[in-house]
């Protein structure tokens, strides 16, 4: 886990950078703020090591001459096109019933945003302090957006290890309608060949892979499945179309598209398939 990081900002945003410094310090990450004259593409190219930066648009992760943040505003066109019938995710998670849903593998929060837009009450769980802080920043901006504010109001952010959170819910006797799992790093296909989501990894994912090494901090999700099954009426797992089953467990039902599929696991008394 990253415990110390540089944070670049311009003089106009120094106080804002200090705010993030305090927030991340409370989450175990020390920020060293470097005030520079101009935070631009040239500066980022000349400083390729992983860092954070703060500007008028908030908090960013930067490395390799690029910067990224969970861009929830960019998801608005997708949300406006989405419907319960058109989205395979909506059918898999039975969003027509407006479920109480835990997204235990938060990532950039885009799927949670879609699920909340289509009616779910979503608890978004993330354990990495930097990724959680990036999500929190995007969430706060969404609350100020005329279109996204009602969507964001149905999202609750939790800073926790997902396994610990699911265990605590089970111990407290808490149940939810759906637990959603989308492990960031696809495992192997049925022929034991590496599964690739796409030929060119998007910029956001390139930087996330630096922050969350596949063989380091990022849980592939196998351990989460049995924990999720203890508290959820259905567990939905997003997988590349040819990927092996999570934890080697055959799902009760599948929805399959061109590039991905959704594997669903039902409680024995909740086996009715919707959609």
Protein backbone atom coordinates (compact mmCIF):
# COMPACT_ATOMS: atom_id res chain seq x y z
CA UNK A 1 0.00 0.00 0.00
CA UNK A 2 1.29 3.45 -0.92
CA UNK A 3 2.05 5.35 2.29
CA UNK A 4 3.81 8.47 0.98
CA UNK A 5 3.28 10.45 -2.20
CA UNK A 6 4.05 13.82 -3.76
CA UNK A 7 1.19 16.17 -4.52
CA UNK A 8 1.68 18.89 -7.14
CA UNK A 9 -0.41 22.03 -7.22
CA UNK A 10 -0.32 25.68 -8.29
CA UNK A 11 -0.36 28.54 -5.74
CA UNK A 12 -4.07 29.23 -6.32
CA UNK A 13 -4.97 25.71 -5.17
CA UNK A 14 -2.57 25.33 -2.25
CA UNK A 15 -5.32 25.47 0.39
CA UNK A 16 -7.29 22.86 -1.50
CA UNK A 17 -4.18 20.66 -1.59
CA UNK A 18 -3.79 21.08 2.17
CA UNK A 19 -7.37 19.81 2.58
CA UNK A 20 -6.55 16.63 0.67
CA UNK A 21 -3.31 16.33 2.63
CA UNK A 22 -5.28 16.28 5.89
CA UNK A 23 -7.87 13.83 4.53
CA UNK A 24 -5.26 11.38 3.26
CA UNK A 25 -3.22 11.69 6.44
CA UNK A 26 -6.25 10.44 8.36
CA UNK A 27 -6.24 7.43 6.00
CA UNK A 28 -2.56 6.59 6.46
CA UNK A 29 -1.05 8.37 3.45
CA UNK A 30 1.46 11.21 3.82
CA UNK A 31 1.37 13.86 1.09
CA UNK A 32 4.32 16.12 0.36
CA UNK A 33 2.90 19.20 -1.34
CA UNK A 34 5.04 20.76 -4.07
CA UNK A 35 3.79 24.15 -5.25
CA UNK A 36 4.75 24.75 -8.87
CA UNK A 37 4.22 27.58 -11.34
CA UNK A 38 2.25 25.67 -13.97
CA UNK A 39 0.64 22.25 -13.69
CA UNK A 40 0.29 21.29 -17.34
CA UNK A 41 0.93 18.41 -19.75
CA UNK A 42 4.59 19.32 -20.15
CA UNK A 43 5.16 19.25 -16.39
CA UNK A 44 3.50 15.84 -16.13
CA UNK A 45 5.68 14.46 -18.94
CA UNK A 46 8.80 15.69 -17.15
CA UNK A 47 7.63 14.13 -13.85
CA UNK A 48 6.45 10.61 -14.80
CA UNK A 49 6.54 9.06 -11.32
CA UNK A 50 3.21 8.36 -9.68
CA UNK A 51 1.89 11.33 -7.72
CA UNK A 52 -1.27 13.27 -6.99
CA UNK A 53 -2.11 16.69 -8.32
CA UNK A 54 -4.71 19.27 -7.37
CA UNK A 55 -6.24 21.86 -9.69
CA UNK A 56 -9.56 23.60 -10.30
CA UNK A 57 -11.18 20.24 -11.03
CA UNK A 58 -10.10 18.62 -7.78
CA UNK A 59 -7.85 15.66 -7.01
CA UNK A 60 -6.08 13.60 -9.70
CA UNK A 61 -3.79 10.59 -9.86
CA UNK A 62 -0.93 11.23 -12.27
CA UNK A 63 1.89 9.13 -13.74
CA UNK A 64 3.60 8.49 -17.07
CA UNK A 65 2.65 11.94 -18.33
CA UNK A 66 -1.07 11.30 -17.76
CA UNK A 67 -3.61 12.17 -15.10
CA UNK A 68 -6.95 10.64 -14.24
CA UNK A 69 -9.84 10.83 -11.81
CA UNK A 70 -13.20 9.03 -11.73
CA UNK A 71 -14.99 11.19 -14.31
CA UNK A 72 -18.63 10.81 -13.35
CA UNK A 73 -19.67 13.80 -15.46
CA UNK A 74 -18.40 11.97 -18.55
CA UNK A 75 -20.85 9.15 -17.76
CA UNK A 76 -23.91 11.40 -18.14
CA UNK A 77 -24.55 10.53 -21.84
CA UNK A 78 -24.46 6.82 -20.96
CA UNK A 79 -26.87 7.36 -18.09
CA UNK A 80 -29.28 9.29 -20.29
CA UNK A 81 -29.32 6.43 -22.82
CA UNK A 82 -29.67 3.69 -20.21
CA UNK A 83 -32.89 1.90 -19.37
CA UNK A 84 -33.89 -1.15 -17.38
CA UNK A 85 -34.48 -3.03 -20.64
CA UNK A 86 -31.37 -1.92 -22.52
CA UNK A 87 -28.78 -2.59 -19.81
CA UNK A 88 -27.77 -6.20 -19.22
CA UNK A 89 -26.44 -5.09 -15.84
CA UNK A 90 -29.94 -3.93 -14.89
CA UNK A 91 -31.42 -7.33 -15.66
CA UNK A 92 -28.66 -9.20 -13.85
CA UNK A 93 -29.03 -7.10 -10.70
CA UNK A 94 -32.84 -6.93 -10.94
CA UNK A 95 -32.73 -3.14 -10.74
CA UNK A 96 -36.44 -2.90 -11.58
CA UNK A 97 -37.04 -3.84 -7.93
CA UNK A 98 -34.90 -0.88 -6.73
CA UNK A 99 -32.67 -3.14 -4.62
CA UNK A 100 -30.41 -2.40 -1.69
CA UNK A 101 -27.05 -3.16 -3.30
CA UNK A 102 -23.43 -3.38 -2.19
CA UNK A 103 -20.75 -2.78 -4.81
CA UNK A 104 -17.81 -4.48 -3.11
CA UNK A 105 -15.28 -3.78 -5.88
CA UNK A 106 -15.69 -0.05 -6.39
CA UNK A 107 -13.12 0.71 -9.08
CA UNK A 108 -13.95 4.11 -10.57
CA UNK A 109 -17.59 3.86 -9.51
CA UNK A 110 -19.06 3.95 -13.02
CA UNK A 111 -21.19 0.82 -12.62
CA UNK A 112 -22.41 2.03 -9.24
CA UNK A 113 -23.40 5.32 -10.85
CA UNK A 114 -25.41 3.46 -13.50
CA UNK A 115 -27.08 1.19 -10.96
CA UNK A 116 -28.03 4.16 -8.77
CA UNK A 117 -29.40 6.00 -11.82
CA UNK A 118 -31.61 3.00 -12.59
CA UNK A 119 -33.02 2.91 -9.07
CA UNK A 120 -30.70 0.98 -6.75
CA UNK A 121 -29.58 2.21 -3.35
CA UNK A 122 -25.85 1.55 -3.62
CA UNK A 123 -23.21 1.15 -0.94
CA UNK A 124 -19.84 1.60 -2.63
CA UNK A 125 -16.98 -0.04 -0.72
CA UNK A 126 -13.31 0.74 -1.37
CA UNK A 127 -10.27 -0.03 0.80
CA UNK A 128 -7.45 1.82 -0.96
CA UNK A 129 -7.07 5.28 0.64
CA UNK A 130 -6.04 7.06 -2.56
CA UNK A 131 -8.69 5.48 -4.76
CA UNK A 132 -11.31 6.08 -2.07
CA UNK A 133 -10.29 9.75 -1.86
CA UNK A 134 -10.54 10.09 -5.64
CA UNK A 135 -14.02 8.54 -5.53
CA UNK A 136 -15.04 10.77 -2.65
CA UNK A 137 -13.93 13.84 -4.60
CA UNK A 138 -15.93 12.78 -7.66
CA UNK A 139 -18.93 12.04 -5.45
CA UNK A 140 -18.83 15.52 -3.90
CA UNK A 141 -18.70 17.13 -7.35
CA UNK A 142 -21.59 14.93 -8.49
CA UNK A 143 -23.72 16.23 -5.62
CA UNK A 144 -23.31 19.73 -7.09
CA UNK A 145 -24.21 18.66 -10.64
CA UNK A 146 -27.84 19.34 -11.71
CA UNK A 147 -28.20 15.94 -13.38
CA UNK A 148 -26.02 13.76 -11.13
CA UNK A 149 -27.12 15.09 -7.74
CA UNK A 150 -30.20 12.85 -7.49
CA UNK A 151 -28.15 9.85 -8.62
CA UNK A 152 -25.33 10.52 -6.15
CA UNK A 153 -27.89 10.86 -3.35
CA UNK A 154 -28.55 7.11 -3.76
CA UNK A 155 -24.85 6.25 -3.31
CA UNK A 156 -23.18 5.77 0.08
CA UNK A 157 -19.37 5.56 0.19
CA UNK A 158 -17.67 3.28 2.73
CA UNK A 159 -13.92 3.30 3.32
CA UNK A 160 -13.27 -0.32 4.24
CA UNK A 161 -11.76 -3.57 3.11
CA UNK A 162 -14.63 -5.31 1.32
CA UNK A 163 -14.00 -8.66 2.99
CA UNK A 164 -14.06 -7.02 6.43
CA UNK A 165 -17.20 -5.07 5.54
CA UNK A 166 -19.08 -8.14 4.28
CA UNK A 167 -18.04 -10.14 7.36
CA UNK A 168 -19.26 -7.33 9.64
CA UNK A 169 -22.61 -7.22 7.84
CA UNK A 170 -23.02 -10.98 8.27
CA UNK A 171 -22.08 -10.84 11.96
CA UNK A 172 -24.62 -8.06 12.50
CA UNK A 173 -27.33 -10.08 10.77
CA UNK A 174 -27.65 -7.49 8.00
CA UNK A 175 -28.93 -8.64 4.60
CA UNK A 176 -29.09 -6.92 1.22
CA UNK A 177 -30.78 -7.69 -2.06
CA UNK A 178 -27.63 -7.73 -4.21
CA UNK A 179 -23.85 -7.79 -3.84
CA UNK A 180 -22.07 -6.80 -7.05
CA UNK A 181 -18.51 -7.93 -7.79
CA UNK A 182 -16.39 -6.72 -10.70
CA UNK A 183 -12.80 -7.83 -10.04
CA UNK A 184 -10.51 -5.38 -11.76
CA UNK A 185 -8.04 -7.91 -13.12
CA UNK A 186 -9.60 -10.67 -15.22
CA UNK A 187 -8.33 -14.15 -14.52
CA UNK A 188 -8.01 -16.89 -17.15
CA UNK A 189 -10.31 -18.37 -19.75
CA UNK A 190 -11.42 -21.97 -19.89
CA UNK A 191 -8.22 -22.84 -21.80
CA UNK A 192 -6.04 -21.19 -19.15
CA UNK A 193 -5.09 -18.32 -21.46
CA UNK A 194 -4.97 -14.75 -20.21
CA UNK A 195 -8.20 -12.86 -20.84
CA UNK A 196 -7.78 -9.37 -22.29
CA UNK A 197 -10.59 -6.84 -21.95
CA UNK A 198 -9.32 -4.88 -24.94
CA UNK A 199 -6.17 -4.46 -26.98
CA UNK A 200 -5.37 -1.01 -25.68
CA UNK A 201 -5.93 -0.43 -21.99
CA UNK A 202 -7.60 2.90 -21.37
CA UNK A 203 -5.64 5.66 -19.67
CA UNK A 204 -7.66 5.42 -16.48
CA UNK A 205 -7.00 1.70 -16.20
CA UNK A 206 -3.28 2.09 -16.92
CA UNK A 207 -2.93 4.39 -13.93
CA UNK A 208 -5.14 2.22 -11.73
CA UNK A 209 -2.94 -0.77 -12.53
CA UNK A 210 0.04 1.22 -11.26
CA UNK A 211 -1.81 2.11 -8.08
CA UNK A 212 -3.24 -1.39 -7.54
CA UNK A 213 -0.71 -4.02 -8.66
CA UNK A 214 -2.35 -7.26 -9.78
CA UNK A 215 -0.16 -9.44 -7.61
CA UNK A 216 -0.03 -6.99 -4.73
CA UNK A 217 -2.88 -5.09 -3.18
CA UNK A 218 -5.69 -5.93 -5.58
CA UNK A 219 -7.91 -8.84 -4.56
CA UNK A 220 -9.02 -10.86 -7.57
CA UNK A 221 -12.37 -11.42 -5.89
CA UNK A 222 -12.41 -15.18 -5.21
CA UNK A 223 -12.54 -14.68 -1.45
CA UNK A 224 -15.39 -12.19 -1.71
CA UNK A 225 -17.88 -14.53 -3.34
CA UNK A 226 -18.63 -16.80 -0.35
CA UNK A 227 -18.75 -13.77 1.96
CA UNK A 228 -21.22 -12.02 -0.33
CA UNK A 229 -23.38 -15.13 -0.53
CA UNK A 230 -23.90 -15.04 3.24
CA UNK A 231 -25.73 -11.71 3.15
CA UNK A 232 -27.22 -11.27 -0.34
CA UNK A 233 -30.29 -12.68 -2.05
CA UNK A 234 -28.23 -12.59 -5.23
CA UNK A 235 -24.56 -12.06 -5.98
CA UNK A 236 -23.75 -10.76 -9.46
CA UNK A 237 -20.23 -11.09 -10.84
CA UNK A 238 -19.10 -9.22 -13.94
CA UNK A 239 -16.58 -11.20 -15.99
CA UNK A 240 -14.92 -11.05 -19.39
CA UNK A 241 -16.99 -13.31 -21.65
CA UNK A 242 -14.49 -16.21 -21.67
CA UNK A 243 -13.17 -15.90 -18.13
CA UNK A 244 -13.34 -18.81 -15.71
CA UNK A 245 -15.95 -18.68 -12.96
CA UNK A 246 -15.08 -16.70 -9.87
CA UNK A 247 -13.77 -19.06 -7.16
CA UNK A 248 -14.46 -21.91 -9.61
CA UNK A 249 -18.14 -21.79 -8.69
CA UNK A 250 -20.71 -22.41 -11.43
CA UNK A 251 -23.37 -19.66 -11.42
CA UNK A 252 -27.11 -20.28 -11.19
CA UNK A 253 -27.77 -18.04 -14.17
CA UNK A 254 -25.85 -15.99 -16.75
CA UNK A 255 -26.43 -12.98 -18.95
CA UNK A 256 -23.87 -12.94 -21.78
CA UNK A 257 -22.89 -10.14 -24.14
CA UNK A 258 -20.22 -9.74 -26.80
CA UNK A 259 -17.40 -8.72 -24.45
CA UNK A 260 -18.57 -9.57 -20.95
CA UNK A 261 -21.06 -11.61 -19.02
CA UNK A 262 -22.81 -11.43 -15.67
CA UNK A 263 -22.81 -14.54 -13.48
CA UNK A 264 -25.55 -14.67 -10.85
CA UNK A 265 -25.65 -16.74 -7.66
CA UNK A 266 -28.96 -16.95 -5.83
CA UNK A 267 -29.91 -17.91 -2.31
CA UNK A 268 -31.78 -21.21 -2.33
CA UNK A 269 -35.03 -19.48 -1.42
CA UNK A 270 -34.51 -16.68 -3.94
CA UNK A 271 -33.95 -18.48 -7.23
CA UNK A 272 -36.49 -16.68 -9.38
CA UNK A 273 -34.76 -15.11 -12.40
CA UNK A 274 -35.95 -11.69 -13.49
CA UNK A 275 -35.18 -10.54 -17.02
